[in-house]
């Protein structure tokens, strides 16, 4: 999940900055190298708590749905 999110978000934000170009691909490649270890670390630190919170929230939403 951290790999997908770091690639997707760095791609989107660099695309907004540079538009579709060779410069965008270069910036995206560099930003993935920075974003991936950060996303992995955040997932290891906060992942379990966030998954627990999202599961509780999903259960509440499912129970509230008629």
C-alpha atoms as a PDB file:
ATOM      1  CA  UNK A   1       0.000   0.000   0.000  1.00  0.00           C
ATOM      2  CA  UNK A   2       2.797   2.409   0.833  1.00  0.00           C
ATOM      3  CA  UNK A   3       4.413   1.759  -2.563  1.00  0.00           C
ATOM      4  CA  UNK A   4       1.169   2.429  -4.420  1.00  0.00           C
ATOM      5  CA  UNK A   5       0.361   5.572  -2.446  1.00  0.00           C
ATOM      6  CA  UNK A   6       3.855   7.026  -2.800  1.00  0.00           C
ATOM      7  CA  UNK A   7       3.864   6.398  -6.562  1.00  0.00           C
ATOM      8  CA  UNK A   8       0.324   7.686  -7.082  1.00  0.00           C
ATOM      9  CA  UNK A   9       0.614  10.819  -4.967  1.00  0.00           C
ATOM     10  CA  UNK A  10       4.073  11.786  -6.160  1.00  0.00           C
ATOM     11  CA  UNK A  11       2.882  11.259  -9.737  1.00  0.00           C
ATOM     12  CA  UNK A  12      -0.211  13.391  -9.283  1.00  0.00           C
ATOM     13  CA  UNK A  13       1.526  16.272  -7.548  1.00  0.00           C
ATOM     14  CA  UNK A  14       4.466  16.339  -9.931  1.00  0.00           C
ATOM     15  CA  UNK A  15       2.030  16.171 -12.858  1.00  0.00           C
ATOM     16  CA  UNK A  16       0.231  19.226 -11.476  1.00  0.00           C
ATOM     17  CA  UNK A  17       3.561  21.036 -11.227  1.00  0.00           C
ATOM     18  CA  UNK A  18       5.128  20.116 -14.579  1.00  0.00           C
ATOM     19  CA  UNK A  19       2.337  18.829 -16.822  1.00  0.00           C
ATOM     20  CA  UNK A  20       2.898  15.813 -19.060  1.00  0.00           C
ATOM     21  CA  UNK A  21       6.517  16.108 -20.172  1.00  0.00           C
ATOM     22  CA  UNK A  22       9.928  14.489 -19.888  1.00  0.00           C
ATOM     23  CA  UNK A  23      10.632  16.833 -16.958  1.00  0.00           C
ATOM     24  CA  UNK A  24       7.561  15.403 -15.204  1.00  0.00           C
ATOM     25  CA  UNK A  25       8.785  11.826 -15.633  1.00  0.00           C
ATOM     26  CA  UNK A  26      12.181  12.779 -14.238  1.00  0.00           C
ATOM     27  CA  UNK A  27      10.653  14.614 -11.270  1.00  0.00           C
ATOM     28  CA  UNK A  28       8.263  11.715 -10.643  1.00  0.00           C
ATOM     29  CA  UNK A  29      11.101   9.210 -10.618  1.00  0.00           C
ATOM     30  CA  UNK A  30      13.104  11.296  -8.162  1.00  0.00           C
ATOM     31  CA  UNK A  31      10.128  11.945  -5.902  1.00  0.00           C
ATOM     32  CA  UNK A  32       9.275   8.232  -5.734  1.00  0.00           C
ATOM     33  CA  UNK A  33      12.761   7.571  -4.372  1.00  0.00           C
ATOM     34  CA  UNK A  34      12.074  10.079  -1.595  1.00  0.00           C
ATOM     35  CA  UNK A  35       8.405   9.247  -0.958  1.00  0.00           C
ATOM     36  CA  UNK A  36       8.687   5.451  -0.808  1.00  0.00           C
ATOM     37  CA  UNK A  37      10.877   5.141   2.294  1.00  0.00           C
ATOM     38  CA  UNK A  38       8.873   7.857   4.057  1.00  0.00           C
ATOM     39  CA  UNK A  39       5.558   6.159   3.229  1.00  0.00           C
ATOM     40  CA  UNK A  40       6.932   2.791   4.342  1.00  0.00           C
ATOM     41  CA  UNK A  41       8.134   4.236   7.640  1.00  0.00           C
ATOM     42  CA  UNK A  42       4.800   5.959   8.284  1.00  0.00           C
ATOM     43  CA  UNK A  43       2.978   2.721   7.476  1.00  0.00           C
ATOM     44  CA  UNK A  44       5.128   0.801   9.946  1.00  0.00           C
ATOM     45  CA  UNK A  45       4.607   3.403  12.686  1.00  0.00           C
ATOM     46  CA  UNK A  46       0.933   4.317  12.215  1.00  0.00           C
ATOM     47  CA  UNK A  47      -0.437   1.582   9.959  1.00  0.00           C
ATOM     48  CA  UNK A  48      -1.952  -0.737  12.527  1.00  0.00           C
ATOM     49  CA  UNK A  49      -3.694   2.061  14.429  1.00  0.00           C
ATOM     50  CA  UNK A  50      -5.045   3.565  11.221  1.00  0.00           C
ATOM     51  CA  UNK A  51      -6.306   0.195   9.973  1.00  0.00           C
ATOM     52  CA  UNK A  52      -8.044  -0.364  13.311  1.00  0.00           C
ATOM     53  CA  UNK A  53      -9.611   3.106  13.172  1.00  0.00           C
ATOM     54  CA  UNK A  54     -10.770   2.655   9.572  1.00  0.00           C
ATOM     55  CA  UNK A  55     -12.268  -0.766  10.373  1.00  0.00           C
ATOM     56  CA  UNK A  56     -14.251   0.734  13.273  1.00  0.00           C
ATOM     57  CA  UNK A  57     -15.393   3.592  11.083  1.00  0.00           C
ATOM     58  CA  UNK A  58     -16.443   1.181   8.314  1.00  0.00           C
ATOM     59  CA  UNK A  59     -18.373  -0.949  10.835  1.00  0.00           C
ATOM     60  CA  UNK A  60     -20.203   2.125  12.150  1.00  0.00           C
ATOM     61  CA  UNK A  61     -21.056   3.203   8.622  1.00  0.00           C
ATOM     62  CA  UNK A  62     -22.263  -0.287   7.694  1.00  0.00           C
ATOM     63  CA  UNK A  63     -24.451  -0.495  10.800  1.00  0.00           C
ATOM     64  CA  UNK A  64     -25.925   2.954  10.172  1.00  0.00           C
ATOM     65  CA  UNK A  65     -26.840   2.084   6.593  1.00  0.00           C
ATOM     66  CA  UNK A  66     -30.481   0.878   6.293  1.00  0.00           C
END
